[in-house]
């Protein structure tokens, strides 16, 4: 076996599925929030909750508690703009008001409490939405504050949210329990030591993401402590965001994707297999509904009165569009795992699925790892002659042949 130019090595044929898993781990690494951004989100979160309850606010003394909702609470948050490391934070704000309070009045009062007077802290940065109030910061980071009022004789933290659509005049109350769902999700996505060891072998153990908690914004924990299902879900969410970059309409909500991911049986077979398994389950669920002329209906597994699909899919067309997106994801990942895929093909697939920035990061790491392995002769060849480096080499050492130099001074694999 000949080793090509060590300065510009040939990467046209690299091992799989270890190669695919390694590249996807690096993509997952890149879409996480940086620790500084998490700290910034924590400051925004606390500052807004305190500001709404400040002296003189129209909601002074009415704020019972604030806690994270959505992806921050489930540890599945990703950067909404990877290049700029921007992110969105969902905050649930419990108000001490009757759960049947007028929705338009409740949302307008929260808007006024944050927007304040001209020249005040958040004035001009606040937007009134149908179920929340959004504050947008100079760097594009958004914080959505959703007011709810606790319902009596219901599970912990269940309450009514307030829906108001000024354009149509529609307003109503909707029972929800985002805290209950986060607790349910976190209890069903256990730490996976095998998956953790794979992340650690790639030097990613110190990457920080979010971990759910009650009142404060969740602390950060190593990415390696996430289960394969959680990281796979993050990649599916990233793929959804890329598909909807230039598409109008509401994209599938993260909470719908998280619920469907919980239904999928963990594969225990690596990250690429996990993404394919979850996406395939989503396809089957959605196709079953479409074949019967129905839209998907999902309930909060922790609180059944809470309907997750009340706004998506709005139509069978929307549902079928996302089925197409998921089919494309599975097809591309299957190509990605093909041992005959060239570096050019890998780049094209990663760019298409996850965007240019995460793809570039992952491929740069692969090239650097391969150059380093060649430079130290710490390299193996599989039985089919494919080059194996890094974590894949460690896992395959017992079934692979040591690399030998193309000179007459070649020998066994050098020690690490």
Protein backbone atom coordinates (compact mmCIF):
# COMPACT_ATOMS: atom_id res chain seq x y z
CA UNK A 1 0.00 0.00 0.00
CA UNK A 2 1.43 3.38 -0.99
CA UNK A 3 1.08 6.47 1.14
CA UNK A 4 0.74 9.55 -1.06
CA UNK A 5 2.41 12.91 -0.62
CA UNK A 6 2.43 13.59 3.16
CA UNK A 7 2.07 17.33 2.58
CA UNK A 8 -1.02 17.02 0.39
CA UNK A 9 -2.39 13.53 1.18
CA UNK A 10 -5.12 11.84 -0.81
CA UNK A 11 -8.42 11.79 1.14
CA UNK A 12 -10.56 10.41 -1.67
CA UNK A 13 -11.28 7.16 0.17
CA UNK A 14 -11.74 7.21 3.92
CA UNK A 15 -13.46 4.69 6.25
CA UNK A 16 -17.14 4.59 7.06
CA UNK A 17 -19.35 4.66 9.15
CA UNK A 18 -16.72 5.84 11.64
CA UNK A 19 -15.81 8.67 9.27
CA UNK A 20 -19.46 9.72 8.95
CA UNK A 21 -19.98 9.67 12.71
CA UNK A 22 -16.83 11.67 13.31
CA UNK A 23 -17.81 14.34 10.82
CA UNK A 24 -21.34 14.59 12.24
CA UNK A 25 -19.90 14.93 15.76
CA UNK A 26 -17.85 17.87 14.53
CA UNK A 27 -20.92 19.43 12.89
CA UNK A 28 -22.77 19.01 16.21
CA UNK A 29 -19.82 20.63 17.98
CA UNK A 30 -20.04 23.66 15.71
CA UNK A 31 -23.79 24.28 16.13
CA UNK A 32 -23.60 24.39 19.93
CA UNK A 33 -23.71 27.72 21.74
CA UNK A 34 -20.34 29.05 22.83
CA UNK A 35 -19.95 29.38 26.63
CA UNK A 36 -19.83 33.17 26.30
CA UNK A 37 -23.14 33.11 24.43
CA UNK A 38 -24.71 30.93 27.10
CA UNK A 39 -23.54 33.38 29.77
CA UNK A 40 -24.99 36.22 27.70
CA UNK A 41 -28.31 34.40 27.39
CA UNK A 42 -28.33 33.91 31.15
CA UNK A 43 -27.83 37.66 31.70
CA UNK A 44 -30.61 38.56 29.26
CA UNK A 45 -32.95 36.01 30.84
CA UNK A 46 -32.53 37.25 34.40
CA UNK A 47 -32.51 40.92 33.45
CA UNK A 48 -35.81 40.67 31.56
CA UNK A 49 -37.57 38.72 34.31
CA UNK A 50 -36.50 41.28 36.89
CA UNK A 51 -37.38 44.17 34.62
CA UNK A 52 -40.96 43.03 34.10
CA UNK A 53 -41.38 42.88 37.90
CA UNK A 54 -39.61 46.21 38.58
CA UNK A 55 -41.13 48.97 40.65
CA UNK A 56 -43.60 50.96 38.54
CA UNK A 57 -44.09 48.22 35.97
CA UNK A 58 -47.70 47.46 35.01
CA UNK A 59 -46.90 43.88 36.15
CA UNK A 60 -45.12 44.82 39.38
CA UNK A 61 -45.78 42.11 41.97
CA UNK A 62 -47.50 39.89 39.39
CA UNK A 63 -44.53 37.77 38.30
CA UNK A 64 -44.70 34.45 40.18
CA UNK A 65 -41.73 32.80 38.49
CA UNK A 66 -39.69 32.57 35.30
CA UNK A 67 -38.13 29.45 33.85
CA UNK A 68 -36.64 28.35 30.54
CA UNK A 69 -38.86 26.76 27.93
CA UNK A 70 -38.23 25.06 24.63
CA UNK A 71 -34.80 23.89 23.57
CA UNK A 72 -32.91 25.46 26.47
CA UNK A 73 -34.95 23.39 28.90
CA UNK A 74 -34.33 20.13 27.02
CA UNK A 75 -30.64 20.69 26.30
CA UNK A 76 -31.25 20.70 22.54
CA UNK A 77 -30.60 24.40 21.87
CA UNK A 78 -28.52 25.21 18.82
CA UNK A 79 -27.29 28.45 17.34
CA UNK A 80 -30.00 29.85 15.08
CA UNK A 81 -27.22 31.53 13.07
CA UNK A 82 -24.05 29.45 13.32
CA UNK A 83 -21.82 31.95 11.53
CA UNK A 84 -22.73 34.73 13.97
CA UNK A 85 -23.35 32.37 16.92
CA UNK A 86 -26.82 33.84 17.44
CA UNK A 87 -29.47 32.06 19.47
CA UNK A 88 -33.04 32.33 20.66
CA UNK A 89 -34.15 31.89 24.27
CA UNK A 90 -37.70 30.84 25.22
CA UNK A 91 -38.84 32.01 28.64
CA UNK A 92 -42.05 31.01 30.39
CA UNK A 93 -43.31 33.78 32.68
CA UNK A 94 -45.92 32.76 35.24
CA UNK A 95 -48.17 35.67 36.15
CA UNK A 96 -50.42 35.92 39.17
CA UNK A 97 -53.56 36.64 37.20
CA UNK A 98 -56.73 34.63 36.56
CA UNK A 99 -56.14 31.95 33.90
CA UNK A 100 -59.20 33.27 32.05
CA UNK A 101 -57.81 36.82 31.78
CA UNK A 102 -58.33 38.58 28.49
CA UNK A 103 -55.55 37.42 26.10
CA UNK A 104 -55.18 40.71 24.22
CA UNK A 105 -54.97 42.66 27.47
CA UNK A 106 -52.48 40.23 29.02
CA UNK A 107 -50.11 40.26 26.05
CA UNK A 108 -50.40 44.03 25.60
CA UNK A 109 -49.63 44.60 29.28
CA UNK A 110 -46.51 42.43 29.06
CA UNK A 111 -45.46 44.36 25.95
CA UNK A 112 -45.90 47.66 27.76
CA UNK A 113 -44.03 46.37 30.81
CA UNK A 114 -40.96 45.58 28.70
CA UNK A 115 -41.11 48.33 26.08
CA UNK A 116 -41.47 51.04 28.70
CA UNK A 117 -41.05 54.73 28.00
CA UNK A 118 -38.93 56.24 25.21
CA UNK A 119 -35.29 56.11 26.29
CA UNK A 120 -35.82 53.19 28.67
CA UNK A 121 -33.74 50.00 28.54
CA UNK A 122 -35.70 47.95 25.99
CA UNK A 123 -37.81 50.58 24.26
CA UNK A 124 -38.04 49.98 20.52
CA UNK A 125 -36.61 46.45 20.68
CA UNK A 126 -39.88 44.78 21.62
CA UNK A 127 -42.37 43.00 19.35
CA UNK A 128 -45.84 41.79 20.27
CA UNK A 129 -46.58 38.32 18.86
CA UNK A 130 -49.67 36.12 19.05
CA UNK A 131 -48.45 34.17 22.12
CA UNK A 132 -45.33 35.91 23.37
CA UNK A 133 -43.41 39.14 23.47
CA UNK A 134 -39.99 39.15 21.77
CA UNK A 135 -37.00 41.27 22.68
CA UNK A 136 -34.29 41.50 19.99
CA UNK A 137 -30.80 42.62 20.95
CA UNK A 138 -28.28 44.50 18.80
CA UNK A 139 -26.46 41.30 17.83
CA UNK A 140 -29.67 39.61 16.63
CA UNK A 141 -30.21 37.43 19.71
CA UNK A 142 -33.91 37.07 20.55
CA UNK A 143 -35.65 36.31 23.83
CA UNK A 144 -39.30 35.21 23.65
CA UNK A 145 -41.31 35.67 26.85
CA UNK A 146 -44.54 33.68 26.97
CA UNK A 147 -46.96 34.62 29.78
CA UNK A 148 -49.03 31.87 31.36
CA UNK A 149 -51.40 31.72 34.35
CA UNK A 150 -51.41 28.61 36.54
CA UNK A 151 -54.47 26.33 36.43
CA UNK A 152 -55.83 25.02 39.72
CA UNK A 153 -56.04 21.28 40.44
CA UNK A 154 -53.72 20.45 37.52
CA UNK A 155 -50.23 18.93 37.33
CA UNK A 156 -47.30 21.06 38.47
CA UNK A 157 -46.82 24.24 36.44
CA UNK A 158 -49.69 23.54 34.04
CA UNK A 159 -51.38 26.76 32.97
CA UNK A 160 -53.14 28.69 30.26
CA UNK A 161 -51.22 30.57 27.61
CA UNK A 162 -52.84 33.56 25.96
CA UNK A 163 -53.36 33.66 22.20
CA UNK A 164 -54.32 36.86 20.40
CA UNK A 165 -54.18 37.58 16.67
CA UNK A 166 -54.83 41.33 16.17
CA UNK A 167 -55.27 40.97 12.40
CA UNK A 168 -58.22 38.61 12.79
CA UNK A 169 -59.34 39.47 16.31
CA UNK A 170 -59.05 35.78 17.29
CA UNK A 171 -58.15 35.19 20.92
CA UNK A 172 -58.36 32.19 23.21
CA UNK A 173 -56.70 30.33 26.07
CA UNK A 174 -54.64 27.18 25.53
CA UNK A 175 -53.64 24.77 28.32
CA UNK A 176 -49.88 24.09 28.30
CA UNK A 177 -47.18 22.59 30.45
CA UNK A 178 -43.73 23.29 28.95
CA UNK A 179 -42.03 22.51 32.27
CA UNK A 180 -43.70 19.09 32.35
CA UNK A 181 -42.54 18.26 28.82
CA UNK A 182 -38.95 19.29 29.55
CA UNK A 183 -38.90 17.09 32.64
CA UNK A 184 -40.36 14.18 30.63
CA UNK A 185 -37.88 14.63 27.77
CA UNK A 186 -34.84 14.87 30.03
CA UNK A 187 -35.86 11.77 31.96
CA UNK A 188 -36.08 9.78 28.71
CA UNK A 189 -32.73 10.81 27.21
CA UNK A 190 -30.21 9.13 29.46
CA UNK A 191 -26.44 9.59 29.51
CA UNK A 192 -24.83 7.09 27.14
CA UNK A 193 -21.26 6.10 28.19
CA UNK A 194 -20.47 4.48 24.82
CA UNK A 195 -21.54 7.57 22.92
CA UNK A 196 -19.66 9.76 25.42
CA UNK A 197 -16.44 7.85 24.81
CA UNK A 198 -16.73 8.53 21.07
CA UNK A 199 -17.02 12.27 21.68
CA UNK A 200 -14.12 12.17 24.13
CA UNK A 201 -11.97 10.34 21.59
CA UNK A 202 -12.50 13.25 19.21
CA UNK A 203 -11.42 15.82 21.78
CA UNK A 204 -14.95 17.17 22.17
CA UNK A 205 -15.54 16.27 25.81
CA UNK A 206 -15.11 19.85 26.94
CA UNK A 207 -17.67 21.32 24.56
CA UNK A 208 -20.43 22.93 26.59
CA UNK A 209 -24.17 22.92 26.02
CA UNK A 210 -27.24 23.38 28.15
CA UNK A 211 -28.68 21.15 30.86
CA UNK A 212 -32.19 21.59 32.20
CA UNK A 213 -32.90 23.10 35.58
CA UNK A 214 -35.90 24.77 37.23
CA UNK A 215 -35.60 28.49 37.94
CA UNK A 216 -32.17 29.59 36.67
CA UNK A 217 -31.20 29.28 33.04
CA UNK A 218 -29.83 25.73 32.70
CA UNK A 219 -26.17 25.19 33.46
CA UNK A 220 -23.81 24.03 30.77
CA UNK A 221 -22.51 20.47 30.69
CA UNK A 222 -20.08 18.67 28.35
CA UNK A 223 -21.45 17.74 24.95
CA UNK A 224 -20.16 14.22 25.60
CA UNK A 225 -22.76 13.84 28.35
CA UNK A 226 -25.58 14.11 25.85
CA UNK A 227 -27.26 10.98 24.58
CA UNK A 228 -26.95 10.13 20.90
CA UNK A 229 -30.67 10.86 20.53
CA UNK A 230 -30.27 14.44 21.81
CA UNK A 231 -27.33 15.21 19.52
CA UNK A 232 -29.12 13.56 16.57
CA UNK A 233 -32.15 15.77 17.29
CA UNK A 234 -29.92 18.85 17.24
CA UNK A 235 -28.63 17.85 13.81
CA UNK A 236 -32.18 17.31 12.53
CA UNK A 237 -33.15 20.74 13.84
CA UNK A 238 -30.14 22.28 12.13
CA UNK A 239 -31.11 20.58 8.87
CA UNK A 240 -34.67 21.92 9.24
CA UNK A 241 -33.33 25.46 9.72
CA UNK A 242 -31.16 25.17 6.60
CA UNK A 243 -34.11 23.90 4.52
CA UNK A 244 -36.27 26.82 5.67
CA UNK A 245 -33.70 29.54 5.03
CA UNK A 246 -35.50 30.84 1.95
CA UNK A 247 -38.87 29.19 2.41
CA UNK A 248 -42.01 30.98 3.57
CA UNK A 249 -44.36 29.52 6.13
CA UNK A 250 -44.02 28.10 9.60
CA UNK A 251 -41.32 25.48 10.03
CA UNK A 252 -41.94 22.32 12.08
CA UNK A 253 -41.70 23.37 15.75
CA UNK A 254 -38.77 22.04 17.75
CA UNK A 255 -41.15 20.60 20.34
CA UNK A 256 -42.84 18.49 17.63
CA UNK A 257 -39.48 17.17 16.47
CA UNK A 258 -38.45 16.43 20.06
CA UNK A 259 -41.66 14.50 20.72
CA UNK A 260 -41.25 12.43 17.57
CA UNK A 261 -37.61 11.77 18.46
CA UNK A 262 -38.70 10.36 21.82
CA UNK A 263 -40.90 7.83 19.99
CA UNK A 264 -37.92 6.48 18.05
CA UNK A 265 -36.06 3.52 19.56
CA UNK A 266 -32.37 4.36 20.18
CA UNK A 267 -30.08 2.41 17.85
CA UNK A 268 -26.90 2.34 19.92
CA UNK A 269 -25.09 2.16 16.58
CA UNK A 270 -23.50 5.59 16.19
CA UNK A 271 -24.57 9.14 15.45
CA UNK A 272 -25.27 8.79 11.72
CA UNK A 273 -27.40 5.69 12.38
CA UNK A 274 -29.28 7.57 15.10
CA UNK A 275 -30.06 10.53 12.83
CA UNK A 276 -31.25 8.20 10.06
CA UNK A 277 -33.37 6.18 12.50
CA UNK A 278 -35.09 9.24 13.99
CA UNK A 279 -35.66 10.87 10.60
CA UNK A 280 -37.04 7.58 9.21
CA UNK A 281 -39.45 7.30 12.14
CA UNK A 282 -40.61 10.86 11.50
CA UNK A 283 -41.18 10.01 7.84
CA UNK A 284 -43.27 6.94 8.73
CA UNK A 285 -45.41 8.90 11.20
CA UNK A 286 -46.05 11.74 8.79
CA UNK A 287 -46.62 9.50 5.78
CA UNK A 288 -49.16 7.43 7.71
CA UNK A 289 -51.17 10.58 8.41
CA UNK A 290 -50.84 11.93 4.87
CA UNK A 291 -51.93 8.63 3.33
CA UNK A 292 -55.17 8.93 5.31
CA UNK A 293 -55.63 12.58 4.42
CA UNK A 294 -54.90 13.68 7.98
CA UNK A 295 -52.54 16.15 9.57
CA UNK A 296 -50.25 14.99 12.36
CA UNK A 297 -51.72 15.33 15.85
CA UNK A 298 -49.32 15.27 18.81
CA UNK A 299 -50.07 15.80 22.49
CA UNK A 300 -47.71 16.71 25.30
CA UNK A 301 -46.81 13.31 26.79
CA UNK A 302 -46.61 14.95 30.22
CA UNK A 303 -49.95 16.81 29.94
CA UNK A 304 -52.41 15.65 27.29
CA UNK A 305 -54.58 18.79 27.17
CA UNK A 306 -51.50 20.50 25.69
CA UNK A 307 -51.68 20.02 21.89
CA UNK A 308 -48.31 20.50 20.17
CA UNK A 309 -49.58 20.51 16.58
CA UNK A 310 -52.23 23.21 16.79
CA UNK A 311 -50.28 25.49 14.41
CA UNK A 312 -48.13 23.04 12.42
CA UNK A 313 -48.77 21.35 10.12
CA UNK A 314 -51.30 23.92 8.91
CA UNK A 315 -52.04 21.84 5.82
CA UNK A 316 -51.21 18.53 4.17
CA UNK A 317 -49.00 20.49 1.80
CA UNK A 318 -46.84 21.68 4.68
CA UNK A 319 -46.72 18.16 6.08
CA UNK A 320 -45.74 16.64 2.74
CA UNK A 321 -43.10 19.30 2.17
CA UNK A 322 -41.36 18.29 5.37
CA UNK A 323 -41.67 14.60 4.48
CA UNK A 324 -39.68 15.51 1.36
CA UNK A 325 -37.06 17.28 3.48
CA UNK A 326 -36.67 14.24 5.73
CA UNK A 327 -36.42 11.84 2.80
CA UNK A 328 -33.68 14.03 1.35
CA UNK A 329 -31.85 13.99 4.70
CA UNK A 330 -31.93 10.19 4.87
CA UNK A 331 -30.82 9.79 1.24
CA UNK A 332 -27.93 12.18 1.66
CA UNK A 333 -26.76 10.60 4.90
CA UNK A 334 -26.85 7.19 3.26
CA UNK A 335 -24.58 8.55 0.51
CA UNK A 336 -22.46 10.19 3.20
CA UNK A 337 -21.83 6.80 4.83
CA UNK A 338 -20.75 5.25 1.51
CA UNK A 339 -17.07 4.33 1.65
CA UNK A 340 -16.71 5.36 -1.99
CA UNK A 341 -17.73 8.97 -1.31
CA UNK A 342 -14.92 11.40 -2.18
CA UNK A 343 -13.96 14.45 -0.15
CA UNK A 344 -15.70 16.63 -2.75
CA UNK A 345 -18.89 14.63 -2.32
CA UNK A 346 -18.65 14.78 1.47
CA UNK A 347 -18.33 18.56 1.37
CA UNK A 348 -21.26 18.91 -1.00
CA UNK A 349 -23.46 16.73 1.21
CA UNK A 350 -22.52 18.48 4.47
CA UNK A 351 -22.99 21.94 2.93
CA UNK A 352 -26.41 20.89 1.64
CA UNK A 353 -27.61 19.33 4.91
CA UNK A 354 -26.13 21.57 7.59
CA UNK A 355 -24.79 24.72 5.97
CA UNK A 356 -21.36 25.93 4.95
CA UNK A 357 -19.98 26.96 8.35
CA UNK A 358 -20.48 23.67 10.25
CA UNK A 359 -19.48 21.69 7.15
CA UNK A 360 -16.26 23.64 6.75
CA UNK A 361 -15.41 23.17 10.42
CA UNK A 362 -15.94 19.40 10.25
CA UNK A 363 -13.92 18.93 7.07
CA UNK A 364 -11.07 21.09 8.34
CA UNK A 365 -10.84 18.86 11.40
CA UNK A 366 -10.84 15.74 9.23
CA UNK A 367 -8.05 17.08 7.02
CA UNK A 368 -5.97 18.14 10.00
CA UNK A 369 -6.47 14.80 11.71
CA UNK A 370 -5.42 12.93 8.58
CA UNK A 371 -2.34 15.10 7.99
CA UNK A 372 -1.33 14.64 11.61
CA UNK A 373 -1.76 10.88 11.36
CA UNK A 374 0.37 10.73 8.22
CA UNK A 375 3.01 12.95 9.79
CA UNK A 376 3.36 10.63 12.78
CA UNK A 377 2.80 7.40 10.78
CA UNK A 378 0.03 6.73 13.31
CA UNK A 379 -2.23 5.31 10.66
CA UNK A 380 -4.01 2.07 9.86
CA UNK A 381 -5.43 0.48 6.74
CA UNK A 382 -8.63 -1.53 6.87
CA UNK A 383 -8.96 -4.88 5.19
CA UNK A 384 -10.29 -3.21 2.06
CA UNK A 385 -7.28 -0.90 1.95
CA UNK A 386 -9.09 2.23 3.17
CA UNK A 387 -7.14 4.67 5.34
CA UNK A 388 -8.28 4.81 8.99
CA UNK A 389 -7.16 7.54 11.36
CA UNK A 390 -7.89 8.94 14.82
CA UNK A 391 -10.79 7.50 16.81
CA UNK A 392 -11.74 5.17 13.99
CA UNK A 393 -8.24 3.73 14.01
CA UNK A 394 -8.36 3.14 17.74
CA UNK A 395 -11.68 1.32 17.45
CA UNK A 396 -10.53 -0.76 14.50
CA UNK A 397 -6.99 -1.56 15.61
CA UNK A 398 -7.69 -5.24 16.20
CA UNK A 399 -9.00 -5.85 12.68
CA UNK A 400 -6.76 -3.56 10.61
CA UNK A 401 -3.32 -3.69 9.06
CA UNK A 402 -0.62 -1.27 10.16
CA UNK A 403 0.35 1.37 7.65
CA UNK A 404 3.78 0.95 6.08
CA UNK A 405 5.82 3.59 4.37
CA UNK A 406 6.40 3.35 0.63
CA UNK A 407 10.18 3.06 1.24
CA UNK A 408 12.18 -0.03 2.11
CA UNK A 409 12.33 1.22 5.71
CA UNK A 410 8.69 0.59 6.42
CA UNK A 411 7.71 -1.29 9.55
CA UNK A 412 4.89 -1.83 11.99
CA UNK A 413 2.66 0.90 13.35
CA UNK A 414 4.55 3.29 15.58
CA UNK A 415 3.35 3.59 19.19
CA UNK A 416 1.06 6.49 20.07
